[in-house]
Amino acid sequence: MIKPGIYRVYRIHPEQDSHHQLIGRFIVTLSAIYLLEDHFGLKDIFNPGALTGRTLNRIKKMAKSPYFKIVSEGDVEQGLHPDGIEELDVDPGVDWGN
């Protein structure tokens, strides 16, 4: 069973040195699932709304797939999944309008 919380879904590209691409975020409550971001068509996979056995099975299959990774937002914030956090190359000399 998936714990209540916010999750990120990454698509893994094995042919591109296992590059991770954020394809969506969702939130799970005790009885429902809601999409926060969808860049891939997750609404068709997860069927937002009531948390059913079918939806849980789909999440479980996706989590076991070598092409997807589901990570809790809390784990990302704690730095437990640095491979899924994209680094930004920011030039410190850029004037951002301040």
C-alpha atoms as a PDB file:
ATOM      1  CA  MET A   1       0.000   0.000   0.000  1.00  0.00           C
ATOM      2  CA  ILE A   2       1.266   3.459  -0.830  1.00  0.00           C
ATOM      3  CA  LYS A   3       1.526   5.871   2.090  1.00  0.00           C
ATOM      4  CA  PRO A   4      -0.277   9.218   2.001  1.00  0.00           C
ATOM      5  CA  GLY A   5       1.998  11.963   0.719  1.00  0.00           C
ATOM      6  CA  ILE A   6       3.269  13.781  -2.346  1.00  0.00           C
ATOM      7  CA  TYR A   7       5.175  11.812  -4.981  1.00  0.00           C
ATOM      8  CA  ARG A   8       7.221  12.566  -8.073  1.00  0.00           C
ATOM      9  CA  VAL A   9       7.232  10.324 -11.131  1.00  0.00           C
ATOM     10  CA  TYR A  10      10.366  10.187 -13.263  1.00  0.00           C
ATOM     11  CA  ARG A  11      10.759   8.562 -16.640  1.00  0.00           C
ATOM     12  CA  ILE A  12      14.134   6.867 -16.949  1.00  0.00           C
ATOM     13  CA  HIS A  13      15.935   6.856 -20.283  1.00  0.00           C
ATOM     14  CA  PRO A  14      18.405   3.931 -20.102  1.00  0.00           C
ATOM     15  CA  GLU A  15      19.797   4.707 -23.558  1.00  0.00           C
ATOM     16  CA  GLN A  16      20.734   8.215 -22.355  1.00  0.00           C
ATOM     17  CA  ASP A  17      22.919   7.154 -19.430  1.00  0.00           C
ATOM     18  CA  SER A  18      19.817   6.588 -17.266  1.00  0.00           C
ATOM     19  CA  HIS A  19      18.693  10.211 -17.583  1.00  0.00           C
ATOM     20  CA  HIS A  20      15.716  11.021 -15.320  1.00  0.00           C
ATOM     21  CA  GLN A  21      12.885  13.184 -16.662  1.00  0.00           C
ATOM     22  CA  LEU A  22      10.230  14.508 -14.291  1.00  0.00           C
ATOM     23  CA  ILE A  23       6.906  13.598 -15.868  1.00  0.00           C
ATOM     24  CA  GLY A  24       4.525  14.394 -13.043  1.00  0.00           C
ATOM     25  CA  ARG A  25       3.644  14.738  -9.397  1.00  0.00           C
ATOM     26  CA  PHE A  26       0.694  13.381  -7.469  1.00  0.00           C
ATOM     27  CA  ILE A  27      -0.681  13.426  -3.950  1.00  0.00           C
ATOM     28  CA  VAL A  28      -2.159  10.426  -2.161  1.00  0.00           C
ATOM     29  CA  THR A  29      -4.586  10.731   0.750  1.00  0.00           C
ATOM     30  CA  LEU A  30      -6.107   7.855   2.690  1.00  0.00           C
ATOM     31  CA  SER A  31      -8.867   7.508   0.104  1.00  0.00           C
ATOM     32  CA  ALA A  32      -7.915   9.405  -3.065  1.00  0.00           C
ATOM     33  CA  ILE A  33      -5.200  10.327  -5.534  1.00  0.00           C
ATOM     34  CA  TYR A  34      -4.862  13.736  -7.191  1.00  0.00           C
ATOM     35  CA  LEU A  35      -2.489  14.859  -9.913  1.00  0.00           C
ATOM     36  CA  LEU A  36      -0.482  18.003  -9.218  1.00  0.00           C
ATOM     37  CA  GLU A  37       1.507  17.946 -12.480  1.00  0.00           C
ATOM     38  CA  ASP A  38       1.111  15.797 -15.564  1.00  0.00           C
ATOM     39  CA  HIS A  39       3.628  16.047 -18.414  1.00  0.00           C
ATOM     40  CA  PHE A  40       3.136  12.520 -19.735  1.00  0.00           C
ATOM     41  CA  GLY A  41      -0.511  11.434 -19.560  1.00  0.00           C
ATOM     42  CA  LEU A  42      -0.498  10.147 -15.992  1.00  0.00           C
ATOM     43  CA  LYS A  43      -4.219  10.953 -15.720  1.00  0.00           C
ATOM     44  CA  ASP A  44      -4.852   7.983 -18.011  1.00  0.00           C
ATOM     45  CA  ILE A  45      -2.647   5.690 -15.915  1.00  0.00           C
ATOM     46  CA  PHE A  46      -3.605   6.766 -12.383  1.00  0.00           C
ATOM     47  CA  ASN A  47      -7.247   7.706 -12.930  1.00  0.00           C
ATOM     48  CA  PRO A  48      -7.353  10.556 -10.359  1.00  0.00           C
ATOM     49  CA  GLY A  49     -10.064  10.376  -7.737  1.00  0.00           C
ATOM     50  CA  ALA A  50     -10.924   7.485  -5.472  1.00  0.00           C
ATOM     51  CA  LEU A  51      -7.927   5.339  -4.573  1.00  0.00           C
ATOM     52  CA  THR A  52      -8.969   1.953  -5.968  1.00  0.00           C
ATOM     53  CA  GLY A  53      -7.233  -1.402  -6.118  1.00  0.00           C
ATOM     54  CA  ARG A  54      -6.790  -0.914  -9.858  1.00  0.00           C
ATOM     55  CA  THR A  55      -5.006   2.414  -9.337  1.00  0.00           C
ATOM     56  CA  LEU A  56      -2.801   0.922  -6.618  1.00  0.00           C
ATOM     57  CA  ASN A  57      -1.844  -1.954  -8.950  1.00  0.00           C
ATOM     58  CA  ARG A  58      -0.931   0.485 -11.704  1.00  0.00           C
ATOM     59  CA  ILE A  59       1.263   2.489  -9.338  1.00  0.00           C
ATOM     60  CA  LYS A  60       2.923  -0.725  -8.127  1.00  0.00           C
ATOM     61  CA  LYS A  61       3.626  -1.866 -11.703  1.00  0.00           C
ATOM     62  CA  MET A  62       5.016   1.537 -12.633  1.00  0.00           C
ATOM     63  CA  ALA A  63       7.240   1.552  -9.535  1.00  0.00           C
ATOM     64  CA  LYS A  64       8.681  -1.855 -10.516  1.00  0.00           C
ATOM     65  CA  SER A  65       9.298  -0.836 -14.131  1.00  0.00           C
ATOM     66  CA  PRO A  66      12.892  -0.105 -15.183  1.00  0.00           C
ATOM     67  CA  TYR A  67      11.569   2.876 -17.162  1.00  0.00           C
ATOM     68  CA  PHE A  68       9.895   4.764 -14.304  1.00  0.00           C
ATOM     69  CA  LYS A  69      10.777   5.819 -10.777  1.00  0.00           C
ATOM     70  CA  ILE A  70       8.289   6.966  -8.139  1.00  0.00           C
ATOM     71  CA  VAL A  71       9.858   8.967  -5.336  1.00  0.00           C
ATOM     72  CA  SER A  72       8.281  10.625  -2.316  1.00  0.00           C
ATOM     73  CA  GLU A  73       8.675  14.393  -2.164  1.00  0.00           C
ATOM     74  CA  GLY A  74       9.956  14.041   1.405  1.00  0.00           C
ATOM     75  CA  ASP A  75      12.799  11.771   0.289  1.00  0.00           C
ATOM     76  CA  VAL A  76      13.788  14.270  -2.407  1.00  0.00           C
ATOM     77  CA  GLU A  77      13.785  17.129   0.103  1.00  0.00           C
ATOM     78  CA  GLN A  78      16.041  15.079   2.396  1.00  0.00           C
ATOM     79  CA  GLY A  79      18.473  14.489  -0.477  1.00  0.00           C
ATOM     80  CA  LEU A  80      17.849  10.736  -0.669  1.00  0.00           C
ATOM     81  CA  HIS A  81      17.358  10.842  -4.456  1.00  0.00           C
ATOM     82  CA  PRO A  82      19.946  13.252  -5.845  1.00  0.00           C
ATOM     83  CA  ASP A  83      19.845  11.472  -9.221  1.00  0.00           C
ATOM     84  CA  GLY A  84      16.332  12.814  -9.788  1.00  0.00           C
ATOM     85  CA  ILE A  85      17.067  16.413  -8.895  1.00  0.00           C
ATOM     86  CA  GLU A  86      18.115  18.425 -11.882  1.00  0.00           C
ATOM     87  CA  GLU A  87      21.045  20.762 -11.372  1.00  0.00           C
ATOM     88  CA  LEU A  88      20.767  24.298 -12.680  1.00  0.00           C
ATOM     89  CA  ASP A  89      23.767  26.041 -14.157  1.00  0.00           C
ATOM     90  CA  VAL A  90      23.211  29.582 -12.909  1.00  0.00           C
ATOM     91  CA  ASP A  91      25.710  32.301 -13.761  1.00  0.00           C
ATOM     92  CA  PRO A  92      26.264  34.286 -10.541  1.00  0.00           C
ATOM     93  CA  GLY A  93      27.068  37.361 -12.630  1.00  0.00           C
ATOM     94  CA  VAL A  94      23.589  37.536 -14.180  1.00  0.00           C
ATOM     95  CA  ASP A  95      21.451  40.494 -13.086  1.00  0.00           C
ATOM     96  CA  TRP A  96      18.016  39.005 -12.314  1.00  0.00           C
ATOM     97  CA  GLY A  97      16.383  42.426 -12.086  1.00  0.00           C
ATOM     98  CA  ASN A  98      17.232  43.113  -8.451  1.00  0.00           C
END
